[in-house]
Amino acid sequence: MKIQSLVIALAATLLLPAFAQAKPDGERPETKGDRPSPQAVFEKLDADASGTLSQDEAKGPLAKNFDKIDADSDGEITRQELAKAGKAMQQRRKKDAEASGSRFQEMDADNSGTISKSEAGERLLERFDQIDENGDGELSKEEMQAAREKMRQRRKEQA
């Protein structure tokens, strides 16, 4: 009986934080490394609770791209404008990922599922060893994706 009680107490202790962080349907969890939902960003930045974001309230990428997101050029970003910009960004990323996949297949001349040094173009060959994380002399799709993510992150930090 004591062991069963101990197991239940331990399970409750381990699972309680997960339940505490659970979000209602439609909201994304805000874990480290995960981006907050556009709704969460909007609510956090809307300091005056006006239902719109002014240039002064916008921070980071929103401030940098304010004019692009403010589709009607009224000087405020609405929830709808932010959602539309978010969807456009997702579509661009999806298109970029598809294009990357087709470029990978073009380079993979022998259809092995990896890119060897002999298949790599000049620019890729310059960084081949850095991208080849496991050192097997072949670049997998996963290694190429990881390299793209690192490059994207560096660009974001420099901006």
N, C-alpha and C. Protein backbone atom coordinates (compact mmCIF):
# COMPACT_ATOMS: atom_id res chain seq x y z
N MET A 1 0.83 -1.19 0.00
CA MET A 1 0.00 0.00 0.00
C MET A 1 0.87 1.25 0.00
N LYS A 2 1.96 1.24 0.82
CA LYS A 2 2.84 2.40 0.85
C LYS A 2 3.50 2.64 -0.50
N ILE A 3 3.88 1.57 -1.19
CA ILE A 3 4.53 1.71 -2.48
C ILE A 3 3.56 2.30 -3.50
N GLN A 4 2.30 1.84 -3.46
CA GLN A 4 1.31 2.37 -4.39
C GLN A 4 1.09 3.87 -4.13
N SER A 5 1.01 4.27 -2.88
CA SER A 5 0.83 5.68 -2.55
C SER A 5 2.04 6.49 -3.00
N LEU A 6 3.22 5.93 -2.82
CA LEU A 6 4.44 6.61 -3.23
C LEU A 6 4.48 6.79 -4.75
N VAL A 7 4.09 5.77 -5.50
CA VAL A 7 4.06 5.84 -6.95
C VAL A 7 3.05 6.89 -7.41
N ILE A 8 1.88 6.94 -6.79
CA ILE A 8 0.87 7.94 -7.15
C ILE A 8 1.37 9.34 -6.85
N ALA A 9 1.99 9.54 -5.71
CA ALA A 9 2.52 10.85 -5.34
C ALA A 9 3.62 11.28 -6.31
N LEU A 10 4.48 10.36 -6.66
CA LEU A 10 5.55 10.66 -7.60
C LEU A 10 4.99 11.01 -8.97
N ALA A 11 4.02 10.25 -9.45
CA ALA A 11 3.40 10.52 -10.74
C ALA A 11 2.73 11.89 -10.74
N ALA A 12 2.02 12.21 -9.67
CA ALA A 12 1.36 13.52 -9.57
C ALA A 12 2.39 14.64 -9.58
N THR A 13 3.49 14.46 -8.90
CA THR A 13 4.54 15.47 -8.86
C THR A 13 5.15 15.70 -10.24
N LEU A 14 5.34 14.62 -10.98
CA LEU A 14 5.94 14.73 -12.30
C LEU A 14 4.96 15.28 -13.35
N LEU A 15 3.68 14.94 -13.23
CA LEU A 15 2.71 15.34 -14.24
C LEU A 15 2.08 16.71 -13.99
N LEU A 16 2.09 17.19 -12.75
CA LEU A 16 1.46 18.46 -12.42
C LEU A 16 2.00 19.63 -13.25
N PRO A 17 3.32 19.76 -13.41
CA PRO A 17 3.81 20.86 -14.24
C PRO A 17 3.31 20.80 -15.68
N ALA A 18 3.17 19.61 -16.23
CA ALA A 18 2.69 19.47 -17.60
C ALA A 18 1.24 19.94 -17.71
N PHE A 19 0.41 19.59 -16.73
CA PHE A 19 -0.98 20.03 -16.75
C PHE A 19 -1.08 21.53 -16.51
N ALA A 20 -0.21 22.06 -15.69
CA ALA A 20 -0.23 23.49 -15.40
C ALA A 20 0.10 24.32 -16.63
N GLN A 21 0.92 23.76 -17.54
CA GLN A 21 1.31 24.49 -18.74
C GLN A 21 0.38 24.23 -19.91
N ALA A 22 -0.60 23.37 -19.75
CA ALA A 22 -1.51 23.04 -20.84
C ALA A 22 -2.25 24.30 -21.28
N LYS A 23 -2.47 24.40 -22.57
CA LYS A 23 -3.13 25.57 -23.15
C LYS A 23 -4.47 25.14 -23.74
N PRO A 24 -5.43 26.06 -23.78
CA PRO A 24 -6.70 25.74 -24.43
C PRO A 24 -6.49 25.44 -25.91
N ASP A 25 -7.47 24.80 -26.52
CA ASP A 25 -7.38 24.49 -27.95
C ASP A 25 -7.09 25.73 -28.76
N GLY A 26 -6.22 25.59 -29.76
CA GLY A 26 -5.89 26.69 -30.64
C GLY A 26 -4.69 27.50 -30.19
N GLU A 27 -4.29 27.37 -28.95
CA GLU A 27 -3.11 28.10 -28.48
C GLU A 27 -1.92 27.18 -28.49
N ARG A 28 -0.79 27.72 -28.92
CA ARG A 28 0.44 26.93 -28.94
C ARG A 28 1.11 27.02 -27.60
N PRO A 29 1.77 25.95 -27.16
CA PRO A 29 2.52 26.03 -25.91
C PRO A 29 3.72 26.95 -26.08
N GLU A 30 4.09 27.62 -25.02
CA GLU A 30 5.23 28.53 -25.08
C GLU A 30 6.40 27.90 -24.34
N THR A 31 7.02 26.91 -24.96
CA THR A 31 8.17 26.27 -24.38
C THR A 31 9.42 26.90 -24.93
N LYS A 32 10.53 26.68 -24.26
CA LYS A 32 11.80 27.24 -24.72
C LYS A 32 12.07 26.75 -26.14
N GLY A 33 12.40 27.71 -27.02
CA GLY A 33 12.69 27.37 -28.40
C GLY A 33 11.46 27.38 -29.29
N ASP A 34 10.26 27.43 -28.71
CA ASP A 34 9.04 27.48 -29.50
C ASP A 34 8.58 28.92 -29.57
N ARG A 35 8.05 29.32 -30.70
CA ARG A 35 7.58 30.67 -30.85
C ARG A 35 6.19 30.79 -30.24
N PRO A 36 5.92 31.93 -29.61
CA PRO A 36 4.57 32.14 -29.07
C PRO A 36 3.59 32.34 -30.22
N SER A 37 2.33 32.10 -29.95
CA SER A 37 1.31 32.29 -30.97
C SER A 37 1.19 33.78 -31.28
N PRO A 38 0.71 34.12 -32.48
CA PRO A 38 0.51 35.54 -32.80
C PRO A 38 -0.42 36.22 -31.80
N GLN A 39 -1.43 35.49 -31.32
CA GLN A 39 -2.36 36.03 -30.34
C GLN A 39 -1.63 36.39 -29.04
N ALA A 40 -0.74 35.53 -28.58
CA ALA A 40 0.01 35.80 -27.35
C ALA A 40 0.93 36.99 -27.53
N VAL A 41 1.58 37.09 -28.68
CA VAL A 41 2.46 38.23 -28.97
C VAL A 41 1.64 39.51 -28.96
N PHE A 42 0.51 39.47 -29.63
CA PHE A 42 -0.34 40.65 -29.74
C PHE A 42 -0.78 41.14 -28.35
N GLU A 43 -1.28 40.22 -27.54
CA GLU A 43 -1.75 40.59 -26.21
C GLU A 43 -0.63 41.14 -25.34
N LYS A 44 0.54 40.57 -25.46
CA LYS A 44 1.67 41.03 -24.65
C LYS A 44 2.10 42.45 -25.06
N LEU A 45 2.09 42.72 -26.35
CA LEU A 45 2.56 44.02 -26.83
C LEU A 45 1.51 45.12 -26.75
N ASP A 46 0.24 44.76 -26.74
CA ASP A 46 -0.84 45.76 -26.72
C ASP A 46 -0.96 46.37 -25.32
N ALA A 47 0.01 47.23 -25.00
CA ALA A 47 0.13 47.79 -23.65
C ALA A 47 -1.10 48.59 -23.23
N ASP A 48 -1.73 49.31 -24.15
CA ASP A 48 -2.88 50.12 -23.79
C ASP A 48 -4.21 49.38 -23.97
N ALA A 49 -4.14 48.09 -24.31
CA ALA A 49 -5.32 47.24 -24.48
C ALA A 49 -6.32 47.83 -25.46
N SER A 50 -5.83 48.49 -26.50
CA SER A 50 -6.69 49.13 -27.49
C SER A 50 -7.21 48.16 -28.55
N GLY A 51 -6.59 46.98 -28.61
CA GLY A 51 -6.97 46.02 -29.63
C GLY A 51 -6.17 46.18 -30.91
N THR A 52 -5.26 47.15 -30.92
CA THR A 52 -4.35 47.35 -32.06
C THR A 52 -2.96 47.63 -31.51
N LEU A 53 -1.95 47.47 -32.37
CA LEU A 53 -0.57 47.77 -31.98
C LEU A 53 -0.11 49.02 -32.72
N SER A 54 0.34 50.00 -31.96
CA SER A 54 0.91 51.21 -32.56
C SER A 54 2.39 50.97 -32.83
N GLN A 55 3.00 51.89 -33.55
CA GLN A 55 4.43 51.81 -33.84
C GLN A 55 5.22 51.76 -32.53
N ASP A 56 4.80 52.50 -31.52
CA ASP A 56 5.49 52.52 -30.22
C ASP A 56 5.38 51.19 -29.49
N GLU A 57 4.27 50.49 -29.67
CA GLU A 57 4.08 49.21 -28.99
C GLU A 57 4.81 48.06 -29.68
N ALA A 58 5.03 48.18 -30.96
CA ALA A 58 5.67 47.10 -31.73
C ALA A 58 7.14 46.97 -31.32
N LYS A 59 7.58 45.74 -31.19
CA LYS A 59 8.96 45.43 -30.80
C LYS A 59 9.55 44.41 -31.76
N GLY A 60 10.87 44.38 -31.81
CA GLY A 60 11.59 43.36 -32.59
C GLY A 60 11.17 43.32 -34.04
N PRO A 61 10.91 42.10 -34.56
CA PRO A 61 10.56 41.95 -35.98
C PRO A 61 9.28 42.71 -36.35
N LEU A 62 8.36 42.85 -35.40
CA LEU A 62 7.14 43.61 -35.70
C LEU A 62 7.47 45.08 -35.98
N ALA A 63 8.36 45.65 -35.17
CA ALA A 63 8.76 47.04 -35.37
C ALA A 63 9.51 47.19 -36.69
N LYS A 64 10.39 46.25 -36.96
CA LYS A 64 11.21 46.30 -38.17
C LYS A 64 10.35 46.20 -39.43
N ASN A 65 9.30 45.40 -39.37
CA ASN A 65 8.44 45.17 -40.54
C ASN A 65 7.07 45.82 -40.39
N PHE A 66 6.98 46.82 -39.53
CA PHE A 66 5.69 47.42 -39.20
C PHE A 66 4.92 47.84 -40.45
N ASP A 67 5.57 48.57 -41.35
CA ASP A 67 4.88 49.08 -42.54
C ASP A 67 4.40 47.96 -43.46
N LYS A 68 5.11 46.87 -43.50
CA LYS A 68 4.69 45.74 -44.33
C LYS A 68 3.47 45.04 -43.73
N ILE A 69 3.45 44.93 -42.40
CA ILE A 69 2.35 44.25 -41.72
C ILE A 69 1.10 45.12 -41.68
N ASP A 70 1.27 46.43 -41.54
CA ASP A 70 0.16 47.38 -41.49
C ASP A 70 -0.39 47.55 -42.90
N ALA A 71 -1.20 46.59 -43.33
CA ALA A 71 -1.67 46.51 -44.72
C ALA A 71 -2.46 47.74 -45.15
N ASP A 72 -3.25 48.34 -44.27
CA ASP A 72 -4.06 49.50 -44.66
C ASP A 72 -3.38 50.83 -44.36
N SER A 73 -2.13 50.77 -43.90
CA SER A 73 -1.30 51.97 -43.65
C SER A 73 -1.97 52.99 -42.74
N ASP A 74 -2.70 52.50 -41.73
CA ASP A 74 -3.36 53.43 -40.81
C ASP A 74 -2.53 53.70 -39.55
N GLY A 75 -1.31 53.15 -39.51
CA GLY A 75 -0.44 53.40 -38.37
C GLY A 75 -0.66 52.45 -37.20
N GLU A 76 -1.51 51.44 -37.41
CA GLU A 76 -1.78 50.45 -36.36
C GLU A 76 -1.88 49.06 -36.99
N ILE A 77 -1.42 48.07 -36.25
CA ILE A 77 -1.53 46.68 -36.69
C ILE A 77 -2.69 46.05 -35.94
N THR A 78 -3.63 45.49 -36.69
CA THR A 78 -4.75 44.78 -36.08
C THR A 78 -4.40 43.30 -35.93
N ARG A 79 -5.21 42.58 -35.20
CA ARG A 79 -5.01 41.14 -35.06
C ARG A 79 -5.08 40.46 -36.43
N GLN A 80 -6.01 40.92 -37.26
CA GLN A 80 -6.18 40.34 -38.59
C GLN A 80 -4.94 40.58 -39.45
N GLU A 81 -4.38 41.77 -39.38
CA GLU A 81 -3.18 42.06 -40.17
C GLU A 81 -2.01 41.21 -39.69
N LEU A 82 -1.89 41.04 -38.38
CA LEU A 82 -0.81 40.21 -37.84
C LEU A 82 -0.99 38.75 -38.25
N ALA A 83 -2.23 38.26 -38.19
CA ALA A 83 -2.50 36.87 -38.58
C ALA A 83 -2.20 36.67 -40.07
N LYS A 84 -2.59 37.65 -40.90
CA LYS A 84 -2.33 37.54 -42.33
C LYS A 84 -0.83 37.52 -42.61
N ALA A 85 -0.08 38.36 -41.92
CA ALA A 85 1.38 38.39 -42.10
C ALA A 85 1.99 37.07 -41.64
N GLY A 86 1.48 36.51 -40.55
CA GLY A 86 1.98 35.23 -40.06
C GLY A 86 1.74 34.11 -41.06
N LYS A 87 0.55 34.09 -41.66
CA LYS A 87 0.25 33.06 -42.66
C LYS A 87 1.14 33.22 -43.88
N ALA A 88 1.38 34.45 -44.29
CA ALA A 88 2.25 34.69 -45.45
C ALA A 88 3.67 34.20 -45.16
N MET A 89 4.13 34.42 -43.93
CA MET A 89 5.46 33.97 -43.54
C MET A 89 5.53 32.43 -43.56
N GLN A 90 4.49 31.78 -43.05
CA GLN A 90 4.46 30.31 -43.07
C GLN A 90 4.49 29.78 -44.50
N GLN A 91 3.75 30.43 -45.38
CA GLN A 91 3.73 30.00 -46.78
C GLN A 91 5.09 30.16 -47.43
N ARG A 92 5.79 31.28 -47.12
CA ARG A 92 7.14 31.49 -47.66
C ARG A 92 8.09 30.41 -47.14
N ARG A 93 8.00 30.10 -45.86
CA ARG A 93 8.88 29.06 -45.29
C ARG A 93 8.61 27.71 -45.92
N LYS A 94 7.34 27.39 -46.13
CA LYS A 94 6.99 26.11 -46.75
C LYS A 94 7.53 26.05 -48.17
N LYS A 95 7.37 27.14 -48.90
CA LYS A 95 7.88 27.21 -50.28
C LYS A 95 9.40 27.08 -50.29
N ASP A 96 10.07 27.75 -49.35
CA ASP A 96 11.53 27.65 -49.25
C ASP A 96 11.96 26.22 -48.95
N ALA A 97 11.23 25.55 -48.05
CA ALA A 97 11.57 24.17 -47.69
C ALA A 97 11.39 23.24 -48.89
N GLU A 98 10.33 23.46 -49.65
CA GLU A 98 10.10 22.64 -50.84
C GLU A 98 11.20 22.86 -51.87
N ALA A 99 11.58 24.13 -52.03
CA ALA A 99 12.66 24.44 -52.98
C ALA A 99 13.97 23.82 -52.53
N SER A 100 14.23 23.85 -51.22
CA SER A 100 15.45 23.24 -50.68
C SER A 100 15.47 21.75 -50.95
N GLY A 101 14.32 21.12 -50.80
CA GLY A 101 14.23 19.68 -51.04
C GLY A 101 14.52 19.34 -52.49
N SER A 102 14.01 20.15 -53.41
CA SER A 102 14.26 19.87 -54.82
C SER A 102 15.73 20.13 -55.18
N ARG A 103 16.33 21.18 -54.56
CA ARG A 103 17.76 21.43 -54.79
C ARG A 103 18.59 20.27 -54.27
N PHE A 104 18.21 19.72 -53.12
CA PHE A 104 18.92 18.58 -52.56
C PHE A 104 18.87 17.42 -53.54
N GLN A 105 17.68 17.15 -54.07
CA GLN A 105 17.53 16.04 -55.00
C GLN A 105 18.34 16.26 -56.28
N GLU A 106 18.42 17.52 -56.73
CA GLU A 106 19.22 17.82 -57.92
C GLU A 106 20.70 17.54 -57.67
N MET A 107 21.19 17.87 -56.48
CA MET A 107 22.61 17.64 -56.16
C MET A 107 22.90 16.17 -55.95
N ASP A 108 21.92 15.43 -55.45
CA ASP A 108 22.09 14.00 -55.16
C ASP A 108 22.01 13.21 -56.47
N ALA A 109 23.07 13.31 -57.27
CA ALA A 109 23.09 12.72 -58.61
C ALA A 109 22.90 11.21 -58.61
N ASP A 110 23.42 10.52 -57.59
CA ASP A 110 23.31 9.06 -57.57
C ASP A 110 22.07 8.57 -56.81
N ASN A 111 21.21 9.49 -56.38
CA ASN A 111 19.97 9.16 -55.66
C ASN A 111 20.20 8.30 -54.42
N SER A 112 21.30 8.57 -53.73
CA SER A 112 21.61 7.80 -52.53
C SER A 112 20.91 8.36 -51.29
N GLY A 113 20.34 9.54 -51.41
CA GLY A 113 19.70 10.16 -50.25
C GLY A 113 20.66 11.04 -49.47
N THR A 114 21.90 11.13 -49.94
CA THR A 114 22.91 11.99 -49.33
C THR A 114 23.70 12.68 -50.43
N ILE A 115 24.42 13.72 -50.05
CA ILE A 115 25.27 14.43 -51.00
C ILE A 115 26.72 14.19 -50.62
N SER A 116 27.48 13.65 -51.54
CA SER A 116 28.91 13.41 -51.31
C SER A 116 29.69 14.64 -51.73
N LYS A 117 30.98 14.66 -51.41
CA LYS A 117 31.82 15.79 -51.82
C LYS A 117 31.87 15.93 -53.34
N SER A 118 31.84 14.81 -54.03
CA SER A 118 31.90 14.88 -55.49
C SER A 118 30.60 15.43 -56.08
N GLU A 119 29.50 15.33 -55.35
CA GLU A 119 28.21 15.85 -55.83
C GLU A 119 28.00 17.31 -55.42
N ALA A 120 28.72 17.75 -54.40
CA ALA A 120 28.53 19.10 -53.86
C ALA A 120 29.04 20.15 -54.82
N GLY A 121 28.31 21.25 -54.92
CA GLY A 121 28.76 22.38 -55.72
C GLY A 121 29.88 23.11 -55.00
N GLU A 122 30.48 24.06 -55.69
CA GLU A 122 31.64 24.78 -55.16
C GLU A 122 31.34 25.47 -53.82
N ARG A 123 30.22 26.19 -53.75
CA ARG A 123 29.88 26.90 -52.50
C ARG A 123 29.64 25.93 -51.35
N LEU A 124 28.95 24.84 -51.62
CA LEU A 124 28.67 23.85 -50.57
C LEU A 124 29.95 23.16 -50.14
N LEU A 125 30.83 22.91 -51.07
CA LEU A 125 32.08 22.23 -50.79
C LEU A 125 32.95 23.02 -49.80
N GLU A 126 32.85 24.36 -49.86
CA GLU A 126 33.62 25.21 -48.96
C GLU A 126 33.27 24.97 -47.49
N ARG A 127 32.03 24.63 -47.22
CA ARG A 127 31.58 24.42 -45.83
C ARG A 127 31.19 22.97 -45.57
N PHE A 128 31.52 22.09 -46.47
CA PHE A 128 31.09 20.70 -46.39
C PHE A 128 31.41 20.07 -45.03
N ASP A 129 32.66 20.19 -44.59
CA ASP A 129 33.08 19.54 -43.34
C ASP A 129 32.37 20.12 -42.12
N GLN A 130 32.03 21.40 -42.16
CA GLN A 130 31.29 22.01 -41.05
C GLN A 130 29.86 21.47 -40.99
N ILE A 131 29.26 21.28 -42.14
CA ILE A 131 27.88 20.81 -42.21
C ILE A 131 27.79 19.32 -41.89
N ASP A 132 28.81 18.56 -42.26
CA ASP A 132 28.84 17.11 -42.05
C ASP A 132 29.06 16.82 -40.56
N GLU A 133 28.01 16.94 -39.77
CA GLU A 133 28.11 16.84 -38.31
C GLU A 133 28.61 15.48 -37.83
N ASN A 134 28.23 14.41 -38.51
CA ASN A 134 28.66 13.08 -38.05
C ASN A 134 29.96 12.62 -38.71
N GLY A 135 30.51 13.44 -39.60
CA GLY A 135 31.81 13.16 -40.18
C GLY A 135 31.87 11.95 -41.09
N ASP A 136 30.74 11.56 -41.68
CA ASP A 136 30.74 10.37 -42.54
C ASP A 136 31.06 10.65 -44.00
N GLY A 137 31.35 11.92 -44.32
CA GLY A 137 31.69 12.27 -45.69
C GLY A 137 30.48 12.42 -46.59
N GLU A 138 29.30 12.41 -46.03
CA GLU A 138 28.05 12.56 -46.77
C GLU A 138 27.17 13.56 -46.03
N LEU A 139 26.42 14.36 -46.78
CA LEU A 139 25.49 15.31 -46.16
C LEU A 139 24.08 14.76 -46.31
N SER A 140 23.43 14.58 -45.19
CA SER A 140 22.03 14.12 -45.19
C SER A 140 21.11 15.32 -45.27
N LYS A 141 19.84 15.06 -45.54
CA LYS A 141 18.85 16.14 -45.56
C LYS A 141 18.79 16.81 -44.19
N GLU A 142 18.91 16.02 -43.14
CA GLU A 142 18.84 16.55 -41.78
C GLU A 142 20.02 17.48 -41.50
N GLU A 143 21.21 17.10 -41.95
CA GLU A 143 22.39 17.95 -41.75
C GLU A 143 22.26 19.25 -42.54
N MET A 144 21.72 19.15 -43.74
CA MET A 144 21.52 20.35 -44.55
C MET A 144 20.48 21.26 -43.90
N GLN A 145 19.40 20.68 -43.39
CA GLN A 145 18.37 21.47 -42.72
C GLN A 145 18.94 22.15 -41.48
N ALA A 146 19.73 21.43 -40.70
CA ALA A 146 20.34 22.00 -39.50
C ALA A 146 21.26 23.17 -39.87
N ALA A 147 21.99 23.04 -40.95
CA ALA A 147 22.88 24.11 -41.40
C ALA A 147 22.07 25.33 -41.83
N ARG A 148 20.95 25.11 -42.53
CA ARG A 148 20.09 26.23 -42.92
C ARG A 148 19.52 26.94 -41.70
N GLU A 149 19.12 26.17 -40.70
CA GLU A 149 18.57 26.77 -39.48
C GLU A 149 19.63 27.59 -38.74
N LYS A 150 20.85 27.08 -38.69
CA LYS A 150 21.93 27.83 -38.04
C LYS A 150 22.20 29.14 -38.77
N MET A 151 22.20 29.07 -40.11
CA MET A 151 22.44 30.27 -40.90
C MET A 151 21.30 31.27 -40.71
N ARG A 152 20.07 30.78 -40.68
CA ARG A 152 18.91 31.65 -40.47
C ARG A 152 18.99 32.31 -39.10
N GLN A 153 19.40 31.56 -38.09
CA GLN A 153 19.52 32.10 -36.74
C GLN A 153 20.62 33.17 -36.67
N ARG A 154 21.76 32.93 -37.33
CA ARG A 154 22.83 33.93 -37.35
C ARG A 154 22.37 35.22 -38.01
N ARG A 155 21.64 35.10 -39.11
CA ARG A 155 21.12 36.30 -39.79
C ARG A 155 20.16 37.06 -38.90
N LYS A 156 19.33 36.32 -38.18
CA LYS A 156 18.35 36.95 -37.28
C LYS A 156 19.07 37.70 -36.16
N GLU A 157 20.12 37.10 -35.62
CA GLU A 157 20.87 37.74 -34.53
C GLU A 157 21.62 38.98 -35.01
N GLN A 158 22.05 38.98 -36.27
CA GLN A 158 22.80 40.11 -36.82
C GLN A 158 21.87 41.26 -37.18
N ALA A 159 20.61 40.96 -37.41
CA ALA A 159 19.65 42.01 -37.82
C ALA A 159 19.28 42.94 -36.67
